[in-house]
């Protein structure tokens, strides 16, 4: 005697039925590149003396890297996978966060 039920299979395959695309890697890449760009801005403004400032404050700026990656992933998800909107908004937000931290440590 079987202990099971008959399952009616639908016409569509459940594996290929309307799956979302993955958005984590492009968003993470955009977030990391935005973090690198934000890291370069103090060097453009203050020159090589920025290295002495980063000598004592590097943990703060390193801690912003996973934040930038998560911001990139979240914005790429919220914009529906549009890379241009994701890139622009991620760069603006990460540069703003980086600038706030830089000015807070300078003051």
N, C-alpha and C. Protein backbone atom coordinates (compact mmCIF):
# COMPACT_ATOMS: atom_id res chain seq x y z
N UNK A 1 0.83 -1.17 0.00
CA UNK A 1 0.00 0.00 0.00
C UNK A 1 0.89 1.25 0.00
N UNK A 2 0.60 2.20 -0.91
CA UNK A 2 1.37 3.43 -1.01
C UNK A 2 0.85 4.46 -0.02
N UNK A 3 1.78 5.28 0.47
CA UNK A 3 1.42 6.36 1.36
C UNK A 3 1.73 7.69 0.64
N UNK A 4 1.07 7.95 -0.46
CA UNK A 4 1.34 9.17 -1.23
C UNK A 4 0.08 9.61 -1.94
N UNK A 5 0.15 10.78 -2.54
CA UNK A 5 -0.97 11.31 -3.29
C UNK A 5 -0.53 11.55 -4.72
N UNK A 6 -1.48 11.56 -5.61
CA UNK A 6 -1.18 11.89 -6.99
C UNK A 6 -1.04 13.41 -7.13
N UNK A 7 0.02 13.84 -7.74
CA UNK A 7 0.28 15.27 -7.93
C UNK A 7 0.02 15.61 -9.38
N UNK A 8 -0.77 16.63 -9.62
CA UNK A 8 -1.06 17.07 -10.98
C UNK A 8 0.02 18.06 -11.39
N UNK A 9 0.71 17.75 -12.47
CA UNK A 9 1.78 18.61 -12.96
C UNK A 9 1.19 19.67 -13.87
N UNK A 10 1.58 20.89 -13.67
CA UNK A 10 1.10 21.96 -14.54
C UNK A 10 1.94 22.00 -15.80
N UNK A 11 1.50 22.80 -16.75
CA UNK A 11 2.18 22.87 -18.04
C UNK A 11 3.50 23.60 -17.99
N UNK A 12 3.69 24.48 -17.02
CA UNK A 12 4.94 25.24 -16.96
C UNK A 12 5.94 24.54 -16.06
N UNK A 13 7.18 24.68 -16.42
CA UNK A 13 8.25 24.09 -15.63
C UNK A 13 8.53 25.01 -14.44
N UNK A 14 8.52 24.53 -13.19
CA UNK A 14 8.69 25.42 -12.04
C UNK A 14 10.09 26.02 -11.94
N UNK A 15 11.07 25.44 -12.60
CA UNK A 15 12.43 25.97 -12.52
C UNK A 15 12.59 27.21 -13.38
N UNK A 16 11.97 27.23 -14.54
CA UNK A 16 12.14 28.36 -15.45
C UNK A 16 10.97 29.32 -15.42
N UNK A 17 10.06 29.17 -14.50
CA UNK A 17 8.86 30.00 -14.48
C UNK A 17 9.12 31.34 -13.81
N UNK A 18 9.39 32.37 -14.59
CA UNK A 18 9.45 33.77 -14.16
C UNK A 18 10.36 33.97 -12.95
N UNK A 19 11.62 33.64 -13.09
CA UNK A 19 12.59 33.86 -12.01
C UNK A 19 13.18 35.25 -12.15
N UNK A 20 13.49 35.86 -11.02
CA UNK A 20 14.16 37.16 -11.05
C UNK A 20 15.62 36.97 -11.40
N UNK A 21 16.18 37.99 -12.01
CA UNK A 21 17.61 37.93 -12.31
C UNK A 21 18.38 38.25 -11.03
N UNK A 22 19.61 37.81 -10.96
CA UNK A 22 20.41 38.11 -9.79
C UNK A 22 20.90 39.54 -9.88
N UNK A 23 20.87 40.24 -8.76
CA UNK A 23 21.25 41.65 -8.76
C UNK A 23 22.37 41.92 -7.77
N UNK A 24 22.86 40.92 -7.10
CA UNK A 24 23.84 41.18 -6.06
C UNK A 24 25.23 41.50 -6.61
N UNK A 25 25.69 40.79 -7.61
CA UNK A 25 27.06 41.03 -8.08
C UNK A 25 27.23 42.38 -8.77
N UNK A 26 26.37 42.78 -9.72
CA UNK A 26 26.57 44.11 -10.32
C UNK A 26 26.44 45.24 -9.30
N UNK A 27 25.52 45.11 -8.37
CA UNK A 27 25.38 46.12 -7.33
C UNK A 27 26.59 46.18 -6.42
N UNK A 28 27.12 45.03 -6.07
CA UNK A 28 28.32 44.99 -5.22
C UNK A 28 29.51 45.58 -5.95
N UNK A 29 29.64 45.30 -7.22
CA UNK A 29 30.74 45.86 -8.01
C UNK A 29 30.63 47.37 -8.12
N UNK A 30 29.44 47.88 -8.34
CA UNK A 30 29.22 49.32 -8.40
C UNK A 30 29.53 49.96 -7.05
N UNK A 31 29.12 49.31 -5.95
CA UNK A 31 29.41 49.83 -4.62
C UNK A 31 30.90 49.88 -4.33
N UNK A 32 31.63 48.84 -4.73
CA UNK A 32 33.07 48.82 -4.49
C UNK A 32 33.78 49.88 -5.33
N UNK A 33 33.38 50.04 -6.57
CA UNK A 33 34.00 51.07 -7.42
C UNK A 33 33.67 52.46 -6.89
N UNK A 34 32.45 52.65 -6.38
CA UNK A 34 32.10 53.94 -5.79
C UNK A 34 32.95 54.22 -4.55
N UNK A 35 33.24 53.18 -3.77
CA UNK A 35 34.10 53.34 -2.60
C UNK A 35 35.52 53.73 -3.02
N UNK A 36 36.02 53.11 -4.07
CA UNK A 36 37.36 53.47 -4.56
C UNK A 36 37.40 54.90 -5.07
N UNK A 37 36.35 55.31 -5.78
CA UNK A 37 36.30 56.70 -6.25
C UNK A 37 36.23 57.68 -5.09
N UNK A 38 35.44 57.35 -4.08
CA UNK A 38 35.34 58.22 -2.91
C UNK A 38 36.66 58.26 -2.14
N UNK A 39 37.40 57.17 -2.14
CA UNK A 39 38.70 57.14 -1.48
C UNK A 39 39.70 58.03 -2.20
N UNK A 40 39.54 58.19 -3.50
CA UNK A 40 40.48 59.01 -4.26
C UNK A 40 40.22 60.50 -4.18
N UNK A 41 39.04 60.91 -3.78
CA UNK A 41 38.71 62.34 -3.75
C UNK A 41 39.59 63.12 -2.77
N UNK A 42 39.85 62.63 -1.53
CA UNK A 42 40.76 63.40 -0.66
C UNK A 42 42.16 63.54 -1.23
N UNK A 43 42.62 62.56 -1.99
CA UNK A 43 43.93 62.68 -2.62
C UNK A 43 43.94 63.77 -3.68
N UNK A 44 42.81 63.93 -4.38
CA UNK A 44 42.73 65.02 -5.36
C UNK A 44 42.67 66.39 -4.69
N UNK A 45 42.02 66.46 -3.54
CA UNK A 45 41.88 67.74 -2.86
C UNK A 45 43.12 68.13 -2.07
N UNK A 46 43.71 67.20 -1.34
CA UNK A 46 44.80 67.52 -0.41
C UNK A 46 46.16 66.99 -0.83
N UNK A 47 46.23 66.21 -1.88
CA UNK A 47 47.51 65.71 -2.37
C UNK A 47 48.06 64.57 -1.54
N UNK A 48 49.37 64.38 -1.60
CA UNK A 48 49.98 63.24 -0.92
C UNK A 48 49.96 63.33 0.61
N UNK A 49 49.67 64.50 1.18
CA UNK A 49 49.58 64.61 2.63
C UNK A 49 48.40 63.82 3.20
N UNK A 50 47.49 63.42 2.33
CA UNK A 50 46.35 62.62 2.77
C UNK A 50 46.80 61.28 3.35
N UNK A 51 47.92 60.78 2.89
CA UNK A 51 48.42 59.50 3.42
C UNK A 51 48.70 59.59 4.91
N UNK A 52 49.21 60.72 5.39
CA UNK A 52 49.45 60.87 6.82
C UNK A 52 48.14 60.89 7.61
N UNK A 53 47.12 61.48 7.02
CA UNK A 53 45.81 61.49 7.68
C UNK A 53 45.22 60.09 7.72
N UNK A 54 45.36 59.35 6.62
CA UNK A 54 44.84 57.99 6.55
C UNK A 54 45.65 57.01 7.41
N UNK A 55 46.85 57.40 7.81
CA UNK A 55 47.68 56.52 8.62
C UNK A 55 46.99 56.16 9.94
N UNK A 56 46.29 57.12 10.51
CA UNK A 56 45.63 56.89 11.80
C UNK A 56 44.12 56.65 11.68
N UNK A 57 43.54 56.97 10.55
CA UNK A 57 42.09 56.88 10.43
C UNK A 57 41.64 55.82 9.44
N UNK A 58 42.54 54.97 8.95
CA UNK A 58 42.17 54.00 7.92
C UNK A 58 41.09 53.02 8.36
N UNK A 59 40.97 52.64 9.65
CA UNK A 59 39.89 51.70 9.99
C UNK A 59 38.49 52.27 9.73
N UNK A 60 38.34 53.57 9.92
CA UNK A 60 37.03 54.19 9.67
C UNK A 60 36.66 54.11 8.20
N UNK A 61 37.62 54.40 7.34
CA UNK A 61 37.35 54.38 5.90
C UNK A 61 37.25 52.96 5.36
N UNK A 62 37.99 52.05 5.96
CA UNK A 62 37.86 50.65 5.56
C UNK A 62 36.50 50.09 5.97
N UNK A 63 35.96 50.56 7.08
CA UNK A 63 34.65 50.11 7.52
C UNK A 63 33.54 50.59 6.59
N UNK A 64 33.80 51.61 5.80
CA UNK A 64 32.80 52.09 4.84
C UNK A 64 32.71 51.21 3.60
N UNK A 65 33.69 50.34 3.38
CA UNK A 65 33.66 49.50 2.18
C UNK A 65 32.46 48.54 2.17
N UNK A 66 32.21 47.77 3.23
CA UNK A 66 31.02 46.92 3.17
C UNK A 66 29.73 47.72 3.14
N UNK A 67 29.73 48.91 3.74
CA UNK A 67 28.55 49.77 3.67
C UNK A 67 28.30 50.18 2.23
N UNK A 68 29.36 50.55 1.51
CA UNK A 68 29.22 50.94 0.11
C UNK A 68 28.75 49.77 -0.75
N UNK A 69 29.23 48.57 -0.47
CA UNK A 69 28.81 47.40 -1.23
C UNK A 69 27.33 47.11 -0.98
N UNK A 70 26.89 47.21 0.27
CA UNK A 70 25.48 46.97 0.58
C UNK A 70 24.60 48.05 -0.03
N UNK A 71 25.07 49.29 -0.02
CA UNK A 71 24.31 50.37 -0.67
C UNK A 71 24.17 50.09 -2.16
N UNK A 72 25.24 49.64 -2.80
CA UNK A 72 25.18 49.30 -4.22
C UNK A 72 24.21 48.18 -4.50
N UNK A 73 24.23 47.15 -3.68
CA UNK A 73 23.30 46.02 -3.86
C UNK A 73 21.86 46.48 -3.67
N UNK A 74 21.63 47.25 -2.62
CA UNK A 74 20.26 47.70 -2.33
C UNK A 74 19.73 48.61 -3.43
N UNK A 75 20.54 49.54 -3.89
CA UNK A 75 20.07 50.45 -4.94
C UNK A 75 19.88 49.75 -6.27
N UNK A 76 20.73 48.76 -6.55
CA UNK A 76 20.55 48.00 -7.79
C UNK A 76 19.26 47.19 -7.75
N UNK A 77 18.92 46.73 -6.56
CA UNK A 77 17.66 46.01 -6.40
C UNK A 77 16.47 46.96 -6.51
N UNK A 78 16.58 48.13 -5.89
CA UNK A 78 15.46 49.07 -5.89
C UNK A 78 15.22 49.74 -7.24
N UNK A 79 16.27 49.89 -8.04
CA UNK A 79 16.10 50.51 -9.36
C UNK A 79 15.71 49.50 -10.43
N UNK A 80 15.52 48.27 -10.05
CA UNK A 80 15.08 47.27 -11.00
C UNK A 80 16.17 46.80 -11.95
N UNK A 81 17.41 46.90 -11.54
CA UNK A 81 18.51 46.42 -12.36
C UNK A 81 19.01 47.41 -13.39
N UNK A 82 18.58 48.65 -13.32
CA UNK A 82 19.08 49.68 -14.25
C UNK A 82 20.45 50.13 -13.77
N UNK A 83 21.47 49.82 -14.54
CA UNK A 83 22.84 50.03 -14.11
C UNK A 83 23.22 51.50 -14.07
N UNK A 84 22.70 52.30 -14.97
CA UNK A 84 23.03 53.73 -15.00
C UNK A 84 22.50 54.42 -13.75
N UNK A 85 21.23 54.19 -13.43
CA UNK A 85 20.64 54.80 -12.23
C UNK A 85 21.34 54.29 -10.97
N UNK A 86 21.66 53.02 -10.97
CA UNK A 86 22.36 52.44 -9.82
C UNK A 86 23.72 53.08 -9.63
N UNK A 87 24.46 53.24 -10.72
CA UNK A 87 25.81 53.79 -10.64
C UNK A 87 25.78 55.23 -10.13
N UNK A 88 24.93 56.04 -10.70
CA UNK A 88 24.88 57.45 -10.32
C UNK A 88 24.45 57.61 -8.87
N UNK A 89 23.39 56.92 -8.48
CA UNK A 89 22.89 57.07 -7.12
C UNK A 89 23.86 56.48 -6.10
N UNK A 90 24.49 55.37 -6.42
CA UNK A 90 25.45 54.77 -5.49
C UNK A 90 26.66 55.66 -5.31
N UNK A 91 27.18 56.22 -6.39
CA UNK A 91 28.34 57.10 -6.28
C UNK A 91 27.99 58.33 -5.45
N UNK A 92 26.83 58.91 -5.67
CA UNK A 92 26.43 60.09 -4.90
C UNK A 92 26.29 59.78 -3.41
N UNK A 93 25.65 58.67 -3.09
CA UNK A 93 25.44 58.33 -1.68
C UNK A 93 26.76 57.96 -1.00
N UNK A 94 27.59 57.18 -1.66
CA UNK A 94 28.85 56.75 -1.04
C UNK A 94 29.80 57.93 -0.88
N UNK A 95 29.85 58.83 -1.86
CA UNK A 95 30.70 60.02 -1.73
C UNK A 95 30.19 60.90 -0.59
N UNK A 96 28.88 61.00 -0.44
CA UNK A 96 28.33 61.80 0.66
C UNK A 96 28.68 61.19 2.01
N UNK A 97 28.54 59.88 2.14
CA UNK A 97 28.89 59.21 3.40
C UNK A 97 30.38 59.36 3.69
N UNK A 98 31.19 59.19 2.67
CA UNK A 98 32.63 59.32 2.81
C UNK A 98 33.01 60.74 3.20
N UNK A 99 32.36 61.72 2.56
CA UNK A 99 32.64 63.12 2.87
C UNK A 99 32.23 63.48 4.28
N UNK A 100 31.10 62.98 4.75
CA UNK A 100 30.67 63.25 6.11
C UNK A 100 31.67 62.69 7.11
N UNK A 101 32.13 61.47 6.88
CA UNK A 101 33.12 60.87 7.78
C UNK A 101 34.43 61.64 7.73
N UNK A 102 34.87 62.02 6.54
CA UNK A 102 36.12 62.75 6.40
C UNK A 102 36.04 64.09 7.12
N UNK A 103 34.95 64.82 6.93
CA UNK A 103 34.82 66.11 7.59
C UNK A 103 34.68 65.97 9.10
N UNK A 104 34.00 64.90 9.55
CA UNK A 104 33.87 64.68 10.99
C UNK A 104 35.24 64.40 11.62
N UNK A 105 36.08 63.62 10.94
CA UNK A 105 37.40 63.32 11.47
C UNK A 105 38.34 64.53 11.36
N UNK A 106 38.14 65.36 10.38
CA UNK A 106 38.97 66.56 10.23
C UNK A 106 38.63 67.60 11.30
N UNK A 107 37.37 67.65 11.71
CA UNK A 107 36.94 68.69 12.65
C UNK A 107 37.04 68.20 14.04
